Amino acid sequence: MPKYSRKFKSPAHITAEIMDEKLKKFGTIRIKPVSVSWKQPNERRFYTVSLEEFISWIMSNKKSKRGKS
């Protein structure tokens, strides 16, 4: 197993299912210390970007403000 530059204290990754307003599965997000992944329902594979790519994308529009959760 390769040694990573970052790690969660515990668990190794966080996976959450996201539901729509009708409680139907909208997708799955997985967060690791080195990447962020997304998978739509009924798909086998995740789409993944490195944490650096995600940070660059999310911070690219300096004018945008924090949205409501």
PDB file of N, CA and C in Angstrom:
ATOM      1  N   MET A   1       0.846  -1.173   0.000  1.00  0.00           N
ATOM      2  CA  MET A   1       0.000   0.000   0.000  1.00  0.00           C
ATOM      3  C   MET A   1       0.890   1.234   0.000  1.00  0.00           C
ATOM      4  N   PRO A   2       0.664   2.179  -0.919  1.00  0.00           N
ATOM      5  CA  PRO A   2       1.507   3.376  -0.952  1.00  0.00           C
ATOM      6  C   PRO A   2       1.259   4.270   0.259  1.00  0.00           C
ATOM      7  N   LYS A   3       2.262   5.019   0.637  1.00  0.00           N
ATOM      8  CA  LYS A   3       2.121   5.965   1.739  1.00  0.00           C
ATOM      9  C   LYS A   3       1.603   7.281   1.165  1.00  0.00           C
ATOM     10  N   TYR A   4       0.536   7.813   1.757  1.00  0.00           N
ATOM     11  CA  TYR A   4      -0.087   9.038   1.271  1.00  0.00           C
ATOM     12  C   TYR A   4       0.387  10.243   2.070  1.00  0.00           C
ATOM     13  N   SER A   5       0.323  11.409   1.450  1.00  0.00           N
ATOM     14  CA  SER A   5       0.753  12.641   2.105  1.00  0.00           C
ATOM     15  C   SER A   5      -0.284  13.141   3.103  1.00  0.00           C
ATOM     16  N   ARG A   6      -1.525  12.697   2.983  1.00  0.00           N
ATOM     17  CA  ARG A   6      -2.598  13.099   3.893  1.00  0.00           C
ATOM     18  C   ARG A   6      -3.391  11.868   4.286  1.00  0.00           C
ATOM     19  N   LYS A   7      -4.041  11.936   5.451  1.00  0.00           N
ATOM     20  CA  LYS A   7      -4.926  10.842   5.831  1.00  0.00           C
ATOM     21  C   LYS A   7      -5.929  11.332   6.864  1.00  0.00           C
ATOM     22  N   PHE A   8      -7.091  10.678   6.895  1.00  0.00           N
ATOM     23  CA  PHE A   8      -8.062  10.936   7.933  1.00  0.00           C
ATOM     24  C   PHE A   8      -7.611  10.200   9.183  1.00  0.00           C
ATOM     25  N   LYS A   9      -7.963  10.721  10.317  1.00  0.00           N
ATOM     26  CA  LYS A   9      -7.643  10.023  11.553  1.00  0.00           C
ATOM     27  C   LYS A   9      -8.382   8.684  11.563  1.00  0.00           C
ATOM     28  N   SER A  10      -9.662   8.705  11.241  1.00  0.00           N
ATOM     29  CA  SER A  10     -10.461   7.493  11.139  1.00  0.00           C
ATOM     30  C   SER A  10     -11.834   7.921  10.651  1.00  0.00           C
ATOM     31  N   PRO A  11     -12.507   7.271   9.794  1.00  0.00           N
ATOM     32  CA  PRO A  11     -12.131   6.143   8.951  1.00  0.00           C
ATOM     33  C   PRO A  11     -11.251   6.566   7.777  1.00  0.00           C
ATOM     34  N   ALA A  12     -10.888   5.619   6.920  1.00  0.00           N
ATOM     35  CA  ALA A  12     -10.005   5.893   5.784  1.00  0.00           C
ATOM     36  C   ALA A  12     -10.672   6.760   4.726  1.00  0.00           C
ATOM     37  N   HIS A  13     -11.992   6.680   4.614  1.00  0.00           N
ATOM     38  CA  HIS A  13     -12.742   7.538   3.688  1.00  0.00           C
ATOM     39  C   HIS A  13     -14.162   7.701   4.210  1.00  0.00           C
ATOM     40  N   ILE A  14     -14.852   8.699   3.671  1.00  0.00           N
ATOM     41  CA  ILE A  14     -16.236   8.965   4.044  1.00  0.00           C
ATOM     42  C   ILE A  14     -17.089   8.805   2.795  1.00  0.00           C
ATOM     43  N   THR A  15     -18.113   7.979   2.883  1.00  0.00           N
ATOM     44  CA  THR A  15     -19.029   7.762   1.762  1.00  0.00           C
ATOM     45  C   THR A  15     -20.435   8.121   2.225  1.00  0.00           C
ATOM     46  N   ALA A  16     -21.138   8.902   1.409  1.00  0.00           N
ATOM     47  CA  ALA A  16     -22.506   9.296   1.743  1.00  0.00           C
ATOM     48  C   ALA A  16     -23.397   9.186   0.520  1.00  0.00           C
ATOM     49  N   GLU A  17     -24.603   8.667   0.720  1.00  0.00           N
ATOM     50  CA  GLU A  17     -25.602   8.638  -0.337  1.00  0.00           C
ATOM     51  C   GLU A  17     -26.424   9.914  -0.238  1.00  0.00           C
ATOM     52  N   ILE A  18     -26.676  10.539  -1.378  1.00  0.00           N
ATOM     53  CA  ILE A  18     -27.453  11.769  -1.424  1.00  0.00           C
ATOM     54  C   ILE A  18     -28.815  11.429  -2.020  1.00  0.00           C
ATOM     55  N   MET A  19     -29.857  11.867  -1.321  1.00  0.00           N
ATOM     56  CA  MET A  19     -31.218  11.554  -1.732  1.00  0.00           C
ATOM     57  C   MET A  19     -31.900  12.823  -2.255  1.00  0.00           C
ATOM     58  N   ASP A  20     -32.824  12.654  -3.199  1.00  0.00           N
ATOM     59  CA  ASP A  20     -33.589  13.809  -3.687  1.00  0.00           C
ATOM     60  C   ASP A  20     -34.787  14.060  -2.769  1.00  0.00           C
ATOM     61  N   GLU A  21     -35.634  15.013  -3.157  1.00  0.00           N
ATOM     62  CA  GLU A  21     -36.768  15.387  -2.309  1.00  0.00           C
ATOM     63  C   GLU A  21     -37.789  14.265  -2.142  1.00  0.00           C
ATOM     64  N   LYS A  22     -37.779  13.291  -3.040  1.00  0.00           N
ATOM     65  CA  LYS A  22     -38.694  12.139  -2.950  1.00  0.00           C
ATOM     66  C   LYS A  22     -38.023  10.946  -2.266  1.00  0.00           C
ATOM     67  N   LEU A  23     -36.838  11.184  -1.693  1.00  0.00           N
ATOM     68  CA  LEU A  23     -36.026  10.173  -1.018  1.00  0.00           C
ATOM     69  C   LEU A  23     -35.535   9.079  -1.966  1.00  0.00           C
ATOM     70  N   LYS A  24     -35.440   9.438  -3.237  1.00  0.00           N
ATOM     71  CA  LYS A  24     -34.849   8.544  -4.235  1.00  0.00           C
ATOM     72  C   LYS A  24     -33.357   8.861  -4.296  1.00  0.00           C
ATOM     73  N   LYS A  25     -32.546   7.825  -4.436  1.00  0.00           N
ATOM     74  CA  LYS A  25     -31.097   8.035  -4.452  1.00  0.00           C
ATOM     75  C   LYS A  25     -30.691   8.903  -5.639  1.00  0.00           C
ATOM     76  N   PHE A  26     -30.002  10.010  -5.334  1.00  0.00           N
ATOM     77  CA  PHE A  26     -29.528  10.963  -6.338  1.00  0.00           C
ATOM     78  C   PHE A  26     -28.103  10.626  -6.764  1.00  0.00           C
ATOM     79  N   GLY A  27     -27.303  10.111  -5.832  1.00  0.00           N
ATOM     80  CA  GLY A  27     -25.925   9.747  -6.129  1.00  0.00           C
ATOM     81  C   GLY A  27     -25.152   9.438  -4.864  1.00  0.00           C
ATOM     82  N   THR A  28     -23.888   9.115  -5.047  1.00  0.00           N
ATOM     83  CA  THR A  28     -23.004   8.791  -3.935  1.00  0.00           C
ATOM     84  C   THR A  28     -21.749   9.641  -4.046  1.00  0.00           C
ATOM     85  N   ILE A  29     -21.357  10.243  -2.944  1.00  0.00           N
ATOM     86  CA  ILE A  29     -20.112  11.007  -2.904  1.00  0.00           C
ATOM     87  C   ILE A  29     -19.166  10.309  -1.937  1.00  0.00           C
ATOM     88  N   ARG A  30     -17.910  10.238  -2.323  1.00  0.00           N
ATOM     89  CA  ARG A  30     -16.884   9.620  -1.478  1.00  0.00           C
ATOM     90  C   ARG A  30     -15.740  10.612  -1.342  1.00  0.00           C
ATOM     91  N   ILE A  31     -15.359  10.866  -0.115  1.00  0.00           N
ATOM     92  CA  ILE A  31     -14.279  11.807   0.158  1.00  0.00           C
ATOM     93  C   ILE A  31     -13.128  11.058   0.798  1.00  0.00           C
ATOM     94  N   LYS A  32     -11.966  11.186   0.178  1.00  0.00           N
ATOM     95  CA  LYS A  32     -10.731  10.615   0.711  1.00  0.00           C
ATOM     96  C   LYS A  32      -9.766  11.766   0.955  1.00  0.00           C
ATOM     97  N   PRO A  33      -8.736  11.557   1.727  1.00  0.00           N
ATOM     98  CA  PRO A  33      -7.779  12.638   1.983  1.00  0.00           C
ATOM     99  C   PRO A  33      -7.066  13.142   0.726  1.00  0.00           C
ATOM    100  N   VAL A  34      -7.096  12.369  -0.355  1.00  0.00           N
ATOM    101  CA  VAL A  34      -6.398  12.764  -1.577  1.00  0.00           C
ATOM    102  C   VAL A  34      -7.313  12.956  -2.781  1.00  0.00           C
ATOM    103  N   SER A  35      -8.633  12.666  -2.631  1.00  0.00           N
ATOM    104  CA  SER A  35      -9.522  12.769  -3.781  1.00  0.00           C
ATOM    105  C   SER A  35     -10.982  12.919  -3.359  1.00  0.00           C
ATOM    106  N   VAL A  36     -11.810  13.342  -4.339  1.00  0.00           N
ATOM    107  CA  VAL A  36     -13.255  13.429  -4.168  1.00  0.00           C
ATOM    108  C   VAL A  36     -13.862  12.661  -5.338  1.00  0.00           C
ATOM    109  N   SER A  37     -14.824  11.771  -5.039  1.00  0.00           N
ATOM    110  CA  SER A  37     -15.426  10.930  -6.078  1.00  0.00           C
ATOM    111  C   SER A  37     -16.940  11.067  -6.079  1.00  0.00           C
ATOM    112  N   TRP A  38     -17.547  10.907  -7.264  1.00  0.00           N
ATOM    113  CA  TRP A  38     -18.992  10.993  -7.439  1.00  0.00           C
ATOM    114  C   TRP A  38     -19.461   9.837  -8.310  1.00  0.00           C
ATOM    115  N   LYS A  39     -20.602   9.256  -7.934  1.00  0.00           N
ATOM    116  CA  LYS A  39     -21.187   8.166  -8.719  1.00  0.00           C
ATOM    117  C   LYS A  39     -22.698   8.351  -8.748  1.00  0.00           C
ATOM    118  N   GLN A  40     -23.279   8.296  -9.942  1.00  0.00           N
ATOM    119  CA  GLN A  40     -24.726   8.362 -10.083  1.00  0.00           C
ATOM    120  C   GLN A  40     -25.321   6.994  -9.738  1.00  0.00           C
ATOM    121  N   PRO A  41     -26.627   6.961  -9.423  1.00  0.00           N
ATOM    122  CA  PRO A  41     -27.259   5.672  -9.117  1.00  0.00           C
ATOM    123  C   PRO A  41     -27.094   4.685 -10.275  1.00  0.00           C
ATOM    124  N   ASN A  42     -26.958   3.446  -9.956  1.00  0.00           N
ATOM    125  CA  ASN A  42     -26.852   2.340 -10.925  1.00  0.00           C
ATOM    126  C   ASN A  42     -25.586   2.392 -11.775  1.00  0.00           C
ATOM    127  N   GLU A  43     -24.612   3.193 -11.418  1.00  0.00           N
ATOM    128  CA  GLU A  43     -23.324   3.165 -12.108  1.00  0.00           C
ATOM    129  C   GLU A  43     -22.341   2.359 -11.269  1.00  0.00           C
ATOM    130  N   ARG A  44     -21.394   1.732 -11.928  1.00  0.00           N
ATOM    131  CA  ARG A  44     -20.411   0.908 -11.220  1.00  0.00           C
ATOM    132  C   ARG A  44     -19.192   1.705 -10.781  1.00  0.00           C
ATOM    133  N   ARG A  45     -18.810   2.685 -11.584  1.00  0.00           N
ATOM    134  CA  ARG A  45     -17.555   3.395 -11.331  1.00  0.00           C
ATOM    135  C   ARG A  45     -17.798   4.818 -10.864  1.00  0.00           C
ATOM    136  N   PHE A  46     -16.853   5.282 -10.060  1.00  0.00           N
ATOM    137  CA  PHE A  46     -16.872   6.663  -9.587  1.00  0.00           C
ATOM    138  C   PHE A  46     -16.109   7.554 -10.555  1.00  0.00           C
ATOM    139  N   TYR A  47     -16.530   8.797 -10.675  1.00  0.00           N
ATOM    140  CA  TYR A  47     -15.762   9.839 -11.341  1.00  0.00           C
ATOM    141  C   TYR A  47     -14.938  10.492 -10.234  1.00  0.00           C
ATOM    142  N   THR A  48     -13.645  10.605 -10.427  1.00  0.00           N
ATOM    143  CA  THR A  48     -12.763  11.051  -9.349  1.00  0.00           C
ATOM    144  C   THR A  48     -11.850  12.178  -9.805  1.00  0.00           C
ATOM    145  N   VAL A  49     -11.650  13.143  -8.907  1.00  0.00           N
ATOM    146  CA  VAL A  49     -10.663  14.202  -9.117  1.00  0.00           C
ATOM    147  C   VAL A  49      -9.767  14.244  -7.884  1.00  0.00           C
ATOM    148  N   SER A  50      -8.551  14.692  -8.085  1.00  0.00           N
ATOM    149  CA  SER A  50      -7.645  14.829  -6.956  1.00  0.00           C
ATOM    150  C   SER A  50      -8.134  15.956  -6.047  1.00  0.00           C
ATOM    151  N   LEU A  51      -7.698  15.940  -4.828  1.00  0.00           N
ATOM    152  CA  LEU A  51      -8.077  17.001  -3.900  1.00  0.00           C
ATOM    153  C   LEU A  51      -7.583  18.349  -4.412  1.00  0.00           C
ATOM    154  N   GLU A  52      -6.402  18.386  -5.013  1.00  0.00           N
ATOM    155  CA  GLU A  52      -5.862  19.628  -5.562  1.00  0.00           C
ATOM    156  C   GLU A  52      -6.751  20.167  -6.688  1.00  0.00           C
ATOM    157  N   GLU A  53      -7.220  19.270  -7.579  1.00  0.00           N
ATOM    158  CA  GLU A  53      -8.117  19.685  -8.659  1.00  0.00           C
ATOM    159  C   GLU A  53      -9.438  20.217  -8.096  1.00  0.00           C
ATOM    160  N   PHE A  54      -9.968  19.540  -7.091  1.00  0.00           N
ATOM    161  CA  PHE A  54     -11.223  19.972  -6.479  1.00  0.00           C
ATOM    162  C   PHE A  54     -11.066  21.343  -5.836  1.00  0.00           C
ATOM    163  N   ILE A  55      -9.995  21.549  -5.078  1.00  0.00           N
ATOM    164  CA  ILE A  55      -9.755  22.845  -4.428  1.00  0.00           C
ATOM    165  C   ILE A  55      -9.615  23.945  -5.473  1.00  0.00           C
ATOM    166  N   SER A  56      -8.871  23.678  -6.533  1.00  0.00           N
ATOM    167  CA  SER A  56      -8.694  24.659  -7.602  1.00  0.00           C
ATOM    168  C   SER A  56     -10.034  25.033  -8.216  1.00  0.00           C
ATOM    169  N   TRP A  57     -10.882  24.032  -8.484  1.00  0.00           N
ATOM    170  CA  TRP A  57     -12.190  24.284  -9.076  1.00  0.00           C
ATOM    171  C   TRP A  57     -13.093  25.061  -8.116  1.00  0.00           C
ATOM    172  N   ILE A  58     -13.178  24.645  -6.874  1.00  0.00           N
ATOM    173  CA  ILE A  58     -14.108  25.255  -5.933  1.00  0.00           C
ATOM    174  C   ILE A  58     -13.687  26.677  -5.576  1.00  0.00           C
ATOM    175  N   MET A  59     -12.389  26.969  -5.643  1.00  0.00           N
ATOM    176  CA  MET A  59     -11.882  28.291  -5.309  1.00  0.00           C
ATOM    177  C   MET A  59     -11.700  29.177  -6.539  1.00  0.00           C
ATOM    178  N   SER A  60     -12.008  28.671  -7.744  1.00  0.00           N
ATOM    179  CA  SER A  60     -11.729  29.404  -8.980  1.00  0.00           C
ATOM    180  C   SER A  60     -12.542  30.687  -9.126  1.00  0.00           C
ATOM    181  N   ASN A  61     -13.733  30.741  -8.580  1.00  0.00           N
ATOM    182  CA  ASN A  61     -14.553  31.939  -8.692  1.00  0.00           C
ATOM    183  C   ASN A  61     -14.525  32.667  -7.351  1.00  0.00           C
ATOM    184  N   LYS A  62     -13.604  33.557  -7.187  1.00  0.00           N
ATOM    185  CA  LYS A  62     -13.427  34.274  -5.921  1.00  0.00           C
ATOM    186  C   LYS A  62     -14.632  35.133  -5.565  1.00  0.00           C
ATOM    187  N   LYS A  63     -15.456  35.497  -6.561  1.00  0.00           N
ATOM    188  CA  LYS A  63     -16.604  36.359  -6.301  1.00  0.00           C
ATOM    189  C   LYS A  63     -17.775  35.587  -5.689  1.00  0.00           C
ATOM    190  N   SER A  64     -17.788  34.256  -5.878  1.00  0.00           N
ATOM    191  CA  SER A  64     -18.906  33.502  -5.331  1.00  0.00           C
ATOM    192  C   SER A  64     -18.795  33.458  -3.811  1.00  0.00           C
ATOM    193  N   LYS A  65     -19.958  33.412  -3.178  1.00  0.00           N
ATOM    194  CA  LYS A  65     -20.003  33.390  -1.722  1.00  0.00           C
ATOM    195  C   LYS A  65     -20.483  32.034  -1.258  1.00  0.00           C
ATOM    196  N   ARG A  66     -20.270  31.767  -0.001  1.00  0.00           N
ATOM    197  CA  ARG A  66     -20.728  30.512   0.564  1.00  0.00           C
ATOM    198  C   ARG A  66     -22.229  30.378   0.370  1.00  0.00           C
ATOM    199  N   GLY A  67     -22.638  29.222  -0.128  1.00  0.00           N
ATOM    200  CA  GLY A  67     -24.055  28.967  -0.287  1.00  0.00           C
ATOM    201  C   GLY A  67     -24.652  28.397   0.974  1.00  0.00           C
ATOM    202  N   LYS A  68     -25.960  28.362   1.003  1.00  0.00           N
ATOM    203  CA  LYS A  68     -26.653  27.764   2.142  1.00  0.00           C
ATOM    204  C   LYS A  68     -26.627  26.254   1.992  1.00  0.00           C
ATOM    205  N   SER A  69     -26.526  25.573   3.089  1.00  0.00           N
ATOM    206  CA  SER A  69     -26.529  24.100   3.091  1.00  0.00           C
ATOM    207  C   SER A  69     -27.930  23.560   2.993  1.00  0.00           C
TER     208      SER A  69
END
